[in-house]
Amino acid sequence: MTDEGATALARVLTTNTTLQELHVDQNQITDEGATALARALTPGCALKTLYAKNTAMTRAGKGALRKAGCGAGVEVVVGDDSD
């Protein structure tokens, strides 16, 4: 999956009422895609866990996802902060 796919997925997550766990591991998502996904993680979001390990995100993208997840009550698993 690329950033374009992550952005499309983020749009779907804003109306999601059933999906609680999402794995986007081992994809080509960069900080751009991470930012789109982060915007979709809002309080009341049905998603409970987001796995995004082994992607093309840098420390900044991972941090954006973690911060958004924390504010929304979503566990975000992105691995270590190596770029």
Protein backbone atom coordinates (compact mmCIF):
# COMPACT_ATOMS: atom_id res chain seq x y z
CA MET A 1 0.00 0.00 0.00
CA THR A 2 1.18 3.49 -0.82
CA ASP A 3 0.28 6.88 0.64
CA GLU A 4 -2.62 7.08 -1.80
CA GLY A 5 -4.04 3.86 -0.37
CA ALA A 6 -3.47 5.03 3.20
CA THR A 7 -5.33 8.26 2.43
CA ALA A 8 -8.26 6.33 0.99
CA LEU A 9 -8.24 4.02 3.98
CA ALA A 10 -8.23 7.02 6.32
CA ARG A 11 -11.39 8.33 4.64
CA VAL A 12 -13.09 5.00 5.30
CA LEU A 13 -11.96 4.95 8.92
CA THR A 14 -13.80 8.20 9.62
CA THR A 15 -17.12 6.40 9.07
CA ASN A 16 -16.08 2.97 10.35
CA THR A 17 -18.32 1.54 13.06
CA THR A 18 -17.16 -2.08 13.22
CA LEU A 19 -13.47 -2.55 12.38
CA GLN A 20 -11.49 -2.68 15.63
CA GLU A 21 -8.07 -3.88 14.49
CA LEU A 22 -6.16 -2.86 11.37
CA HIS A 23 -2.83 -4.17 10.06
CA VAL A 24 -1.01 -2.03 7.51
CA ASP A 25 2.39 -3.59 8.23
CA GLN A 26 5.04 -4.03 5.56
CA ASN A 27 3.71 -1.39 3.19
CA GLN A 28 5.23 1.65 1.49
CA ILE A 29 3.36 4.15 3.67
CA THR A 30 5.46 7.27 4.31
CA ASP A 31 4.86 10.21 6.64
CA GLU A 32 2.24 11.54 4.21
CA GLY A 33 0.14 8.40 4.61
CA ALA A 34 0.79 8.36 8.36
CA THR A 35 -0.55 11.91 8.63
CA ALA A 36 -3.72 10.94 6.78
CA LEU A 37 -4.25 7.94 9.04
CA ALA A 38 -3.52 10.05 12.12
CA ARG A 39 -6.25 12.52 11.16
CA ALA A 40 -8.72 9.62 11.06
CA LEU A 41 -7.91 8.57 14.64
CA THR A 42 -10.36 10.68 16.59
CA PRO A 43 -12.10 10.20 19.93
CA GLY A 44 -15.00 7.81 19.44
CA CYS A 45 -13.22 6.01 16.62
CA ALA A 46 -14.27 2.34 16.51
CA LEU A 47 -10.69 1.26 15.81
CA LYS A 48 -8.92 -0.04 18.93
CA THR A 49 -5.54 -1.14 17.50
CA LEU A 50 -3.51 -0.05 14.48
CA TYR A 51 -0.42 -2.03 13.47
CA ALA A 52 1.95 -0.20 11.12
CA LYS A 53 5.33 -1.88 11.49
CA ASN A 54 7.96 -2.11 8.75
CA THR A 55 6.74 0.80 6.66
CA ALA A 56 8.56 3.73 5.04
CA MET A 57 7.52 6.12 7.84
CA THR A 58 10.17 8.16 9.59
CA ARG A 59 10.24 8.99 13.28
CA ALA A 60 7.96 11.97 12.56
CA GLY A 61 5.24 9.87 10.92
CA LYS A 62 5.36 7.28 13.66
CA GLY A 63 5.13 10.03 16.27
CA ALA A 64 2.10 11.57 14.57
CA LEU A 65 0.32 8.21 14.62
CA ARG A 66 1.21 7.57 18.26
CA LYS A 67 0.03 11.02 19.33
CA ALA A 68 -3.26 10.72 17.45
CA GLY A 69 -3.81 7.21 18.76
CA CYS A 70 -3.20 8.32 22.33
CA GLY A 71 -5.76 11.10 22.00
CA ALA A 72 -8.32 8.75 20.45
CA GLY A 73 -7.81 5.76 22.72
CA VAL A 74 -6.32 3.70 19.87
CA GLU A 75 -3.26 1.52 20.51
CA VAL A 76 -0.75 2.25 17.75
CA VAL A 77 2.04 -0.28 17.15
CA VAL A 78 4.68 1.12 14.80
CA GLY A 79 7.87 -0.57 15.93
CA ASP A 80 11.05 1.28 16.80
CA ASP A 81 11.93 4.82 15.76
CA SER A 82 14.70 3.97 13.32
CA ASP A 83 14.27 5.76 9.99
